N, C-alpha and C. Protein backbone atom coordinates (compact mmCIF):
# COMPACT_ATOMS: atom_id res chain seq x y z
N MET A 1 -73.04 22.09 -25.15
CA MET A 1 -72.34 23.05 -24.81
C MET A 1 -71.01 22.45 -23.55
N GLU A 2 -71.84 21.25 -22.80
CA GLU A 2 -70.72 20.93 -21.87
C GLU A 2 -69.37 20.17 -22.30
N ASP A 3 -69.74 19.44 -23.50
CA ASP A 3 -68.64 19.04 -23.89
C ASP A 3 -67.74 19.90 -24.75
N VAL A 4 -67.94 21.12 -25.10
CA VAL A 4 -67.19 22.08 -25.71
C VAL A 4 -66.23 22.71 -24.88
N ASN A 5 -66.93 22.75 -23.67
CA ASN A 5 -66.18 23.29 -22.21
C ASN A 5 -65.24 22.43 -21.77
N LEU A 6 -65.49 21.05 -21.75
CA LEU A 6 -64.59 20.18 -21.24
C LEU A 6 -63.60 20.11 -22.31
N LEU A 7 -63.89 20.06 -23.37
CA LEU A 7 -62.55 19.89 -24.60
C LEU A 7 -61.53 20.86 -24.55
N LEU A 8 -62.30 22.38 -24.21
CA LEU A 8 -61.22 23.68 -23.82
C LEU A 8 -60.64 23.45 -22.71
N ALA A 9 -61.11 22.75 -21.92
CA ALA A 9 -60.46 22.74 -20.50
C ALA A 9 -59.49 21.65 -20.58
N TRP A 10 -59.30 20.53 -21.39
CA TRP A 10 -58.38 19.86 -21.55
C TRP A 10 -57.43 19.94 -22.86
N SER A 11 -57.84 20.80 -23.65
CA SER A 11 -57.09 21.34 -24.72
C SER A 11 -55.72 21.82 -24.46
N ASP A 12 -55.77 22.95 -23.47
CA ASP A 12 -54.58 23.44 -23.13
C ASP A 12 -53.48 22.51 -22.40
N PRO A 13 -53.73 21.65 -21.34
CA PRO A 13 -52.65 21.01 -20.97
C PRO A 13 -52.42 19.77 -21.87
N LEU A 14 -53.23 19.51 -22.72
CA LEU A 14 -52.95 18.31 -23.40
C LEU A 14 -51.79 18.91 -24.82
N LEU A 15 -52.10 20.09 -25.02
CA LEU A 15 -51.19 20.78 -25.87
C LEU A 15 -49.80 20.91 -25.35
N ARG A 16 -49.61 21.43 -23.94
CA ARG A 16 -48.52 21.57 -23.31
C ARG A 16 -47.80 20.44 -23.22
N GLY A 17 -48.74 19.26 -22.86
CA GLY A 17 -47.78 17.96 -22.74
C GLY A 17 -47.36 17.47 -24.16
N LEU A 18 -47.88 17.70 -25.02
CA LEU A 18 -47.29 17.20 -26.38
C LEU A 18 -46.21 18.06 -26.94
N GLN A 19 -46.03 19.77 -26.58
CA GLN A 19 -45.04 20.52 -26.96
C GLN A 19 -43.96 19.92 -25.90
N ILE A 20 -43.94 19.27 -24.61
CA ILE A 20 -43.07 19.01 -23.58
C ILE A 20 -42.26 17.76 -24.22
N ILE A 21 -43.26 16.86 -24.80
CA ILE A 21 -42.92 15.42 -25.41
C ILE A 21 -42.08 16.02 -26.65
N LEU A 22 -42.46 16.78 -27.44
CA LEU A 22 -41.73 17.27 -28.78
C LEU A 22 -40.25 17.71 -28.19
N ILE A 23 -40.46 18.43 -27.57
CA ILE A 23 -38.98 19.25 -27.02
C ILE A 23 -38.13 18.28 -26.47
N LEU A 24 -38.69 17.27 -25.78
CA LEU A 24 -37.84 16.07 -25.36
C LEU A 24 -37.06 15.08 -26.21
N VAL A 25 -38.25 14.81 -27.39
CA VAL A 25 -38.16 13.92 -28.40
C VAL A 25 -36.70 14.72 -29.29
N LEU A 26 -36.87 15.75 -29.56
CA LEU A 26 -35.84 16.71 -30.33
C LEU A 26 -34.67 16.83 -29.90
N ALA A 27 -34.57 17.18 -28.29
CA ALA A 27 -33.28 17.26 -27.58
C ALA A 27 -32.73 15.66 -27.75
N TRP A 28 -33.19 14.61 -27.53
CA TRP A 28 -32.84 13.15 -27.72
C TRP A 28 -32.26 13.30 -28.85
N ALA A 29 -32.90 13.35 -30.23
CA ALA A 29 -32.34 13.27 -31.26
C ALA A 29 -31.34 14.08 -31.73
N ALA A 30 -31.34 15.70 -31.24
CA ALA A 30 -29.90 16.31 -31.24
C ALA A 30 -28.84 15.80 -30.60
N GLN A 31 -29.11 15.43 -29.49
CA GLN A 31 -28.08 14.61 -28.63
C GLN A 31 -27.49 13.44 -29.49
N ARG A 32 -28.35 12.58 -29.95
CA ARG A 32 -27.78 11.52 -30.67
C ARG A 32 -27.02 11.77 -31.60
N LEU A 33 -27.50 12.85 -32.49
CA LEU A 33 -26.57 13.41 -33.75
C LEU A 33 -25.49 14.04 -33.43
N VAL A 34 -25.36 14.82 -32.62
CA VAL A 34 -24.28 15.41 -31.88
C VAL A 34 -22.99 14.50 -31.63
N ALA A 35 -23.49 13.19 -30.65
CA ALA A 35 -22.63 12.23 -30.40
C ALA A 35 -22.28 11.50 -31.68
N ARG A 36 -23.08 11.10 -32.82
CA ARG A 36 -22.62 10.63 -33.73
C ARG A 36 -21.69 11.40 -34.62
N GLY A 37 -22.16 12.41 -34.72
CA GLY A 37 -21.12 13.43 -35.60
C GLY A 37 -19.61 13.68 -35.05
N ILE A 38 -19.51 13.68 -33.60
CA ILE A 38 -18.44 13.44 -32.77
C ILE A 38 -17.71 12.28 -33.16
N SER A 39 -18.20 11.07 -32.98
CA SER A 39 -17.57 9.95 -33.18
C SER A 39 -17.21 9.75 -34.68
N ARG A 40 -17.67 10.25 -35.41
CA ARG A 40 -17.25 10.14 -37.11
C ARG A 40 -16.30 11.24 -37.04
N LEU A 41 -16.26 12.21 -36.78
CA LEU A 41 -15.10 13.47 -36.32
C LEU A 41 -13.79 12.53 -35.87
N GLY A 42 -13.95 11.90 -34.83
CA GLY A 42 -12.89 10.97 -34.29
C GLY A 42 -12.29 9.98 -35.42
N GLN A 43 -13.30 9.38 -35.84
CA GLN A 43 -12.86 8.06 -36.87
C GLN A 43 -11.96 8.84 -38.00
N ARG A 44 -12.49 10.11 -38.35
CA ARG A 44 -11.94 10.55 -39.70
C ARG A 44 -10.50 11.13 -39.56
N TYR A 45 -10.29 11.97 -38.23
CA TYR A 45 -9.08 12.55 -37.90
C TYR A 45 -8.44 11.92 -36.77
N PRO A 46 -7.31 11.92 -36.68
CA PRO A 46 -6.74 11.33 -35.33
C PRO A 46 -6.90 12.34 -34.06
N LEU A 47 -7.89 12.34 -33.43
CA LEU A 47 -7.92 13.08 -32.35
C LEU A 47 -8.26 11.90 -31.13
N PRO A 48 -7.30 12.61 -30.23
CA PRO A 48 -7.43 11.59 -28.89
C PRO A 48 -8.92 11.35 -28.13
N PRO A 49 -9.00 10.12 -27.57
CA PRO A 49 -10.37 10.06 -27.19
C PRO A 49 -10.40 10.86 -25.60
N GLU A 50 -9.18 11.45 -25.29
CA GLU A 50 -9.53 12.32 -24.01
C GLU A 50 -10.04 13.47 -24.38
N LEU A 51 -10.05 14.16 -25.73
CA LEU A 51 -10.30 15.19 -26.05
C LEU A 51 -12.13 14.82 -26.41
N LEU A 52 -12.33 13.76 -27.15
CA LEU A 52 -13.87 13.45 -27.64
C LEU A 52 -14.73 13.07 -26.84
N LEU A 53 -14.47 12.47 -25.64
CA LEU A 53 -15.30 12.11 -24.48
C LEU A 53 -15.89 13.11 -23.64
N PRO A 54 -14.92 14.43 -23.26
CA PRO A 54 -15.20 15.45 -22.59
C PRO A 54 -16.24 16.32 -23.60
N LEU A 55 -15.92 16.53 -24.63
CA LEU A 55 -16.44 17.00 -25.76
C LEU A 55 -18.01 16.74 -25.81
N ARG A 56 -18.08 15.22 -26.01
CA ARG A 56 -19.43 14.57 -25.98
C ARG A 56 -20.31 14.80 -24.96
N GLY A 57 -19.53 14.50 -23.75
CA GLY A 57 -20.45 14.47 -22.41
C GLY A 57 -20.79 16.22 -22.16
N GLY A 58 -20.05 17.11 -22.54
CA GLY A 58 -20.27 18.77 -22.72
C GLY A 58 -21.47 19.13 -23.23
N LEU A 59 -21.46 18.48 -24.62
CA LEU A 59 -22.47 19.16 -25.57
C LEU A 59 -23.84 18.32 -25.02
N ARG A 60 -23.66 16.94 -24.59
CA ARG A 60 -25.02 16.44 -24.27
C ARG A 60 -25.39 17.07 -23.00
N TRP A 61 -24.65 17.56 -21.90
CA TRP A 61 -25.35 18.23 -20.96
C TRP A 61 -25.71 19.59 -21.58
N LEU A 62 -25.09 20.39 -22.40
CA LEU A 62 -25.57 21.70 -22.79
C LEU A 62 -27.24 21.52 -23.64
N ILE A 63 -27.07 20.17 -24.65
CA ILE A 63 -28.39 20.23 -25.03
C ILE A 63 -29.68 19.80 -24.14
N MET A 64 -29.34 18.80 -23.24
CA MET A 64 -30.20 18.32 -22.10
C MET A 64 -30.72 19.45 -21.29
N GLY A 65 -29.73 20.33 -20.87
CA GLY A 65 -29.97 21.61 -20.03
C GLY A 65 -30.59 22.79 -20.58
N SER A 66 -30.36 22.91 -21.84
CA SER A 66 -31.36 23.59 -22.97
C SER A 66 -32.65 23.41 -22.85
N ALA A 67 -33.10 21.65 -23.11
CA ALA A 67 -34.20 21.25 -23.04
C ALA A 67 -35.17 21.36 -22.07
N LEU A 68 -34.33 21.09 -20.61
CA LEU A 68 -34.98 21.24 -19.55
C LEU A 68 -35.51 22.73 -19.44
N MET A 69 -34.66 23.63 -19.73
CA MET A 69 -34.98 25.01 -19.34
C MET A 69 -36.28 25.41 -20.28
N MET A 70 -36.10 24.99 -21.57
CA MET A 70 -37.60 24.75 -22.65
C MET A 70 -38.96 24.48 -21.98
N VAL A 71 -38.62 23.20 -21.15
CA VAL A 71 -39.67 22.39 -20.66
C VAL A 71 -40.23 23.04 -19.71
N LEU A 72 -39.22 23.57 -18.46
CA LEU A 72 -39.86 24.50 -17.39
C LEU A 72 -40.29 25.64 -17.93
N GLU A 73 -40.05 26.24 -18.94
CA GLU A 73 -40.93 27.71 -19.51
C GLU A 73 -41.85 27.17 -20.01
N ARG A 74 -42.15 26.11 -20.57
CA ARG A 74 -43.44 25.78 -20.98
C ARG A 74 -44.37 25.33 -19.72
N LEU A 75 -44.16 25.20 -18.81
CA LEU A 75 -44.72 24.76 -17.70
C LEU A 75 -45.02 26.29 -16.67
N GLY A 76 -44.71 27.13 -17.39
CA GLY A 76 -44.83 28.55 -16.57
C GLY A 76 -43.79 29.12 -15.60
N VAL A 77 -42.59 28.39 -15.67
CA VAL A 77 -41.32 28.82 -14.80
C VAL A 77 -40.54 29.94 -15.77
N SER A 78 -40.32 30.90 -15.24
CA SER A 78 -39.89 32.20 -15.81
C SER A 78 -38.58 32.07 -15.98
N ALA A 79 -37.97 32.07 -17.27
CA ALA A 79 -36.30 31.60 -17.57
C ALA A 79 -35.44 32.92 -16.69
N ASP A 80 -36.09 33.98 -16.49
CA ASP A 80 -35.33 35.18 -15.47
C ASP A 80 -35.06 34.38 -14.22
N VAL A 81 -36.03 33.74 -13.74
CA VAL A 81 -35.88 33.05 -12.19
C VAL A 81 -35.08 31.97 -12.34
N LEU A 82 -35.10 31.26 -13.17
CA LEU A 82 -34.18 29.86 -13.68
C LEU A 82 -32.54 30.63 -13.67
N TRP A 83 -32.28 31.48 -14.46
CA TRP A 83 -31.04 31.82 -14.44
C TRP A 83 -30.23 32.51 -13.39
N ALA A 84 -31.46 33.18 -12.76
CA ALA A 84 -31.05 34.06 -11.53
C ALA A 84 -30.72 32.97 -10.29
N ALA A 85 -31.70 31.89 -10.34
CA ALA A 85 -30.99 30.90 -9.51
C ALA A 85 -29.87 30.01 -9.68
N LEU A 86 -29.79 29.76 -11.14
CA LEU A 86 -28.62 29.25 -11.48
C LEU A 86 -27.34 29.79 -11.09
N THR A 87 -27.20 30.95 -11.44
CA THR A 87 -26.13 31.81 -11.24
C THR A 87 -25.86 32.12 -10.08
N GLY A 88 -26.91 32.32 -9.08
CA GLY A 88 -26.63 32.15 -7.68
C GLY A 88 -26.22 31.18 -7.18
N PHE A 89 -26.73 29.95 -7.61
CA PHE A 89 -26.06 28.77 -6.92
C PHE A 89 -24.46 28.32 -7.43
N VAL A 90 -24.09 28.56 -8.65
CA VAL A 90 -22.91 28.69 -9.25
C VAL A 90 -22.01 29.66 -8.54
N ALA A 91 -22.36 30.70 -8.00
CA ALA A 91 -21.55 31.77 -7.52
C ALA A 91 -21.27 31.29 -6.02
N VAL A 92 -22.34 30.69 -5.50
CA VAL A 92 -22.05 30.13 -3.96
C VAL A 92 -21.16 28.78 -4.07
N ALA A 93 -21.34 28.16 -4.90
CA ALA A 93 -20.46 26.67 -5.31
C ALA A 93 -18.89 27.12 -5.49
N ALA A 94 -19.00 28.26 -6.03
CA ALA A 94 -17.54 28.71 -6.46
C ALA A 94 -16.94 29.25 -5.26
N VAL A 95 -17.56 30.16 -4.42
CA VAL A 95 -17.03 30.86 -3.33
C VAL A 95 -16.86 29.61 -2.16
N ALA A 96 -17.63 28.54 -2.07
CA ALA A 96 -17.40 27.38 -1.06
C ALA A 96 -16.24 26.69 -1.70
N PHE A 97 -16.19 26.26 -2.68
CA PHE A 97 -14.98 25.75 -3.54
C PHE A 97 -13.65 26.52 -3.01
N PHE A 98 -13.31 27.73 -3.17
CA PHE A 98 -12.46 28.69 -2.85
C PHE A 98 -11.82 28.40 -1.50
N ALA A 99 -13.16 28.56 -0.58
CA ALA A 99 -13.11 28.65 0.84
C ALA A 99 -12.31 27.42 1.23
N ILE A 100 -12.68 26.07 0.93
CA ILE A 100 -12.52 24.72 1.25
C ILE A 100 -10.96 24.48 0.47
N TRP A 101 -10.57 24.96 -0.65
CA TRP A 101 -9.60 24.66 -1.42
C TRP A 101 -8.32 24.02 -0.47
N SER A 102 -7.92 25.01 0.58
CA SER A 102 -6.73 24.47 1.21
C SER A 102 -7.16 23.20 1.95
N VAL A 103 -8.23 23.29 2.47
CA VAL A 103 -8.45 21.88 3.35
C VAL A 103 -8.28 20.72 2.60
N LEU A 104 -8.97 20.86 1.39
CA LEU A 104 -8.91 19.84 0.38
C LEU A 104 -7.86 19.31 0.01
N SER A 105 -6.81 20.63 -0.20
CA SER A 105 -5.50 20.22 -0.54
C SER A 105 -4.84 19.50 0.51
N ASN A 106 -5.01 19.84 1.76
CA ASN A 106 -4.24 19.14 2.83
C ASN A 106 -4.73 17.46 3.07
N LEU A 107 -5.96 17.40 2.67
CA LEU A 107 -6.74 16.09 2.78
C LEU A 107 -6.14 15.07 1.61
N PHE A 108 -5.90 15.58 0.69
CA PHE A 108 -5.33 15.00 -0.65
C PHE A 108 -4.07 14.49 -0.07
N CYS A 109 -3.08 15.77 0.05
CA CYS A 109 -1.78 15.47 0.58
C CYS A 109 -1.60 14.51 1.57
N ALA A 110 -2.46 14.09 2.75
CA ALA A 110 -2.57 13.20 3.39
C ALA A 110 -2.51 11.71 2.97
N LEU A 111 -3.52 11.94 2.05
CA LEU A 111 -3.64 10.58 1.50
C LEU A 111 -2.47 10.25 0.72
N LEU A 112 -1.68 11.35 0.03
CA LEU A 112 -0.45 10.85 -0.62
C LEU A 112 0.61 10.46 0.45
N ILE A 113 0.72 10.89 1.64
CA ILE A 113 1.73 10.70 2.62
C ILE A 113 1.31 9.22 2.98
N PHE A 114 0.03 8.93 3.33
CA PHE A 114 0.14 7.89 3.99
C PHE A 114 -0.14 6.38 2.80
N THR A 115 -0.06 6.84 1.64
CA THR A 115 0.03 5.72 0.55
C THR A 115 1.58 5.89 0.18
N LEU A 116 1.98 6.98 -0.33
CA LEU A 116 3.35 6.91 -0.90
C LEU A 116 4.52 6.88 0.06
N GLY A 117 4.51 7.18 1.29
CA GLY A 117 5.34 7.18 2.65
C GLY A 117 6.55 7.93 2.20
N PRO A 118 6.33 9.28 2.04
CA PRO A 118 7.67 10.05 1.60
C PRO A 118 8.61 9.97 3.15
N PHE A 119 7.99 9.97 4.51
CA PHE A 119 8.41 9.61 5.54
C PHE A 119 7.24 9.03 6.45
N ARG A 120 7.85 8.55 7.67
CA ARG A 120 7.02 7.90 8.45
C ARG A 120 7.16 8.74 9.99
N LEU A 121 6.17 7.88 10.99
CA LEU A 121 6.27 8.47 12.45
C LEU A 121 8.09 7.77 12.53
N GLY A 122 8.34 8.76 13.67
CA GLY A 122 9.68 8.39 14.08
C GLY A 122 10.78 9.00 13.25
N ASP A 123 10.66 9.50 11.78
CA ASP A 123 11.59 9.82 11.08
C ASP A 123 11.85 11.17 11.58
N ARG A 124 13.04 11.74 10.98
CA ARG A 124 13.54 13.02 11.51
C ARG A 124 13.40 13.69 9.81
N VAL A 125 12.62 14.81 9.90
CA VAL A 125 12.53 15.48 8.44
C VAL A 125 12.75 16.94 8.62
N GLU A 126 13.48 17.35 7.51
CA GLU A 126 13.46 19.07 7.59
C GLU A 126 12.98 19.53 6.08
N VAL A 127 11.89 20.43 6.42
CA VAL A 127 11.32 20.99 5.18
C VAL A 127 12.18 22.25 4.81
N ILE A 128 13.02 22.07 3.63
CA ILE A 128 14.02 22.96 3.17
C ILE A 128 13.44 24.18 2.72
N ASP A 129 13.49 25.39 3.19
CA ASP A 129 12.76 26.54 2.55
C ASP A 129 13.57 27.05 1.30
N THR A 130 14.80 27.50 1.71
CA THR A 130 15.48 27.77 0.33
C THR A 130 16.89 27.13 0.53
N ALA A 131 17.93 27.12 -0.27
CA ALA A 131 19.22 26.57 -0.22
C ALA A 131 20.12 27.34 0.84
N ASP A 132 19.78 28.49 1.10
CA ASP A 132 20.78 29.05 2.30
C ASP A 132 19.92 29.34 3.54
N LYS A 133 18.58 29.12 3.40
CA LYS A 133 17.82 29.35 4.90
C LYS A 133 17.42 27.90 5.32
N PRO A 134 17.65 27.77 6.67
CA PRO A 134 17.02 26.36 7.15
C PRO A 134 15.57 26.52 7.11
N GLY A 135 15.23 25.31 7.07
CA GLY A 135 13.50 25.39 7.17
C GLY A 135 13.29 24.51 8.65
N VAL A 136 11.59 24.14 8.68
CA VAL A 136 11.19 23.65 9.54
C VAL A 136 11.66 22.37 9.87
N LYS A 137 12.50 21.83 11.17
CA LYS A 137 12.75 20.35 11.21
C LYS A 137 12.52 19.94 12.59
N GLY A 138 12.27 18.48 12.69
CA GLY A 138 12.02 18.08 13.65
C GLY A 138 11.63 16.64 13.46
N ARG A 139 11.31 15.75 14.59
CA ARG A 139 10.96 14.10 14.45
C ARG A 139 9.42 14.06 14.20
N VAL A 140 8.85 13.22 13.49
CA VAL A 140 7.59 13.05 13.07
C VAL A 140 6.97 12.48 14.13
N VAL A 141 6.07 13.00 14.91
CA VAL A 141 5.21 12.52 16.03
C VAL A 141 3.81 12.16 15.81
N ALA A 142 3.44 12.56 14.90
CA ALA A 142 1.82 12.41 14.41
C ALA A 142 1.73 12.88 13.22
N ILE A 143 0.63 12.02 12.13
CA ILE A 143 0.34 12.47 11.33
C ILE A 143 -0.82 12.38 10.77
N ASN A 144 -1.94 13.37 10.58
CA ASN A 144 -3.36 13.15 10.57
C ASN A 144 -3.88 13.99 9.23
N LEU A 145 -5.07 14.07 9.00
CA LEU A 145 -5.52 14.67 7.88
C LEU A 145 -5.50 15.99 7.36
N LEU A 146 -4.81 16.88 8.33
CA LEU A 146 -4.50 18.09 7.85
C LEU A 146 -3.03 18.69 8.12
N TYR A 147 -2.72 17.95 9.33
CA TYR A 147 -1.37 18.45 9.77
C TYR A 147 -0.42 17.23 10.13
N THR A 148 0.92 17.66 9.74
CA THR A 148 1.94 16.53 10.20
C THR A 148 2.73 17.39 11.44
N THR A 149 2.51 16.56 12.76
CA THR A 149 3.34 17.08 13.87
C THR A 149 4.79 16.56 13.97
N LEU A 150 5.63 17.46 13.96
CA LEU A 150 7.05 17.50 14.33
C LEU A 150 7.41 17.96 15.83
N GLU A 151 8.37 17.38 16.46
CA GLU A 151 8.97 17.49 17.40
C GLU A 151 10.23 18.12 17.30
N GLU A 152 10.52 19.52 17.74
CA GLU A 152 11.59 19.99 17.71
C GLU A 152 12.79 19.52 18.73
N GLU A 153 14.06 19.45 18.37
CA GLU A 153 15.04 18.96 19.25
C GLU A 153 15.08 19.80 20.52
N ALA A 154 15.22 18.71 21.45
CA ALA A 154 15.24 19.10 22.80
C ALA A 154 16.05 20.27 23.23
N ALA A 155 15.68 21.44 23.92
CA ALA A 155 16.50 22.43 24.30
C ALA A 155 17.79 22.10 25.14
N GLU A 156 18.75 22.55 25.20
CA GLU A 156 20.25 22.42 25.77
C GLU A 156 19.98 22.52 27.46
N ASP A 157 18.76 23.28 27.96
CA ASP A 157 18.67 23.25 29.28
C ASP A 157 17.70 21.86 29.64
N GLY A 158 17.38 20.96 28.73
CA GLY A 158 16.83 19.82 29.22
C GLY A 158 15.27 20.10 28.94
N ALA A 159 14.86 20.95 28.41
CA ALA A 159 13.56 21.50 27.96
C ALA A 159 12.97 20.80 26.84
N PRO A 160 11.83 20.15 26.70
CA PRO A 160 11.52 19.28 25.56
C PRO A 160 11.06 20.34 24.59
N GLY A 161 11.35 19.88 23.18
CA GLY A 161 11.26 20.91 22.00
C GLY A 161 9.87 21.08 21.90
N ALA A 162 9.62 21.93 21.25
CA ALA A 162 8.34 22.42 20.86
C ALA A 162 7.63 21.66 19.93
N LEU A 163 6.38 21.58 19.49
CA LEU A 163 5.53 20.82 18.68
C LEU A 163 5.27 21.68 17.44
N LEU A 164 5.61 21.47 16.31
CA LEU A 164 5.30 22.09 15.42
C LEU A 164 4.07 21.48 14.44
N GLN A 165 3.27 21.98 14.01
CA GLN A 165 2.30 21.41 13.08
C GLN A 165 2.27 22.14 11.56
N VAL A 166 2.65 21.01 10.90
CA VAL A 166 3.20 21.83 9.50
C VAL A 166 1.96 21.30 8.49
N PRO A 167 1.48 21.97 7.73
CA PRO A 167 0.17 21.26 6.70
C PRO A 167 0.82 20.61 5.77
N ASN A 168 0.02 19.49 5.60
CA ASN A 168 0.53 18.32 5.09
C ASN A 168 0.77 18.68 3.27
N ASN A 169 0.33 19.75 2.77
CA ASN A 169 0.64 20.25 1.39
C ASN A 169 2.03 20.64 1.37
N LEU A 170 2.56 21.24 2.51
CA LEU A 170 3.64 21.80 2.42
C LEU A 170 4.80 20.85 1.95
N PHE A 171 4.75 19.47 2.23
CA PHE A 171 5.65 18.51 2.06
C PHE A 171 5.65 18.39 0.54
N PHE A 172 4.51 18.68 -0.06
CA PHE A 172 4.70 18.45 -1.62
C PHE A 172 5.05 19.98 -2.75
N GLN A 173 5.14 20.83 -1.51
CA GLN A 173 5.72 22.20 -2.34
C GLN A 173 7.03 22.53 -1.99
N LYS A 174 7.59 21.88 -0.92
CA LYS A 174 8.85 22.30 -0.75
C LYS A 174 9.73 20.89 -0.73
N SER A 175 10.87 21.08 -0.85
CA SER A 175 12.04 19.97 -0.86
C SER A 175 12.29 19.48 0.60
N ILE A 176 12.45 18.35 0.69
CA ILE A 176 12.34 17.49 2.16
C ILE A 176 13.73 16.74 2.40
N ARG A 177 14.25 16.96 3.57
CA ARG A 177 15.66 16.05 3.77
C ARG A 177 15.12 15.05 5.08
N ARG A 178 15.27 13.74 4.88
CA ARG A 178 14.75 12.95 5.81
C ARG A 178 16.01 12.01 5.79
N TRP A 179 15.81 11.75 7.56
CA TRP A 179 16.79 10.80 8.27
C TRP A 179 15.96 9.65 8.83
N ARG A 180 16.42 8.33 8.59
CA ARG A 180 15.42 7.20 9.07
C ARG A 180 16.17 6.24 9.94
N GLY A 181 15.40 5.83 10.95
CA GLY A 181 15.94 4.78 11.64
C GLY A 181 17.31 4.80 12.67
N PRO A 182 17.83 3.89 12.59
CA PRO A 182 19.21 4.23 13.79
C PRO A 182 20.22 5.18 13.17
N ASN A 183 19.98 5.41 11.92
CA ASN A 183 21.09 6.42 11.33
C ASN A 183 20.96 7.94 11.24
N LEU A 184 20.23 8.42 12.37
CA LEU A 184 19.65 9.79 12.92
C LEU A 184 20.93 10.43 13.05
N PRO A 185 21.04 11.61 12.53
CA PRO A 185 21.99 12.71 12.77
C PRO A 185 22.09 13.06 14.20
N THR A 186 23.20 13.08 14.83
CA THR A 186 23.13 13.77 15.99
C THR A 186 22.61 14.80 16.46
N THR A 187 22.71 15.81 15.52
CA THR A 187 22.07 17.28 15.71
C THR A 187 21.50 17.70 14.41
N LEU A 188 20.33 18.07 14.83
CA LEU A 188 19.20 18.07 13.36
C LEU A 188 18.99 19.72 13.36
């Protein structure tokens, strides 16, 4: 009688383990078949590799994600709970991405300013708003990861010019007029 109880106690976990292994093997085989089919499709038709590579990767993630969901379901995790967690995570990630979009844009533009050098410290620049309206102008006194600081021309009464902090991405959204070195204009 003890042998039967022991066999019954081990049969359920053993059966679940075999089901999980079967799910993983079938997912691996499906992923390999899809990858091979996409490769053959690329050989048969003149499709660019830039299209085939993301398609293959996306389908691989879809197959393996589905297999993971089935494995977790076999382990007793509710699919409703998993979908709620996944959609909650995606919603929070989307909100966070949009919240930091402007900061990321300024950081990337700072990297472009440092590497491409559209202007340097000491240059006089003018960000042209439109053809008939003057834009922001001044001498570049600092460039950091978010802003470029411009010093306006000194006032006629001898007071120093104001410091303007221009977001770095603005230099890639508008036209820029630049003067370098000793050939600076007398009035800016």
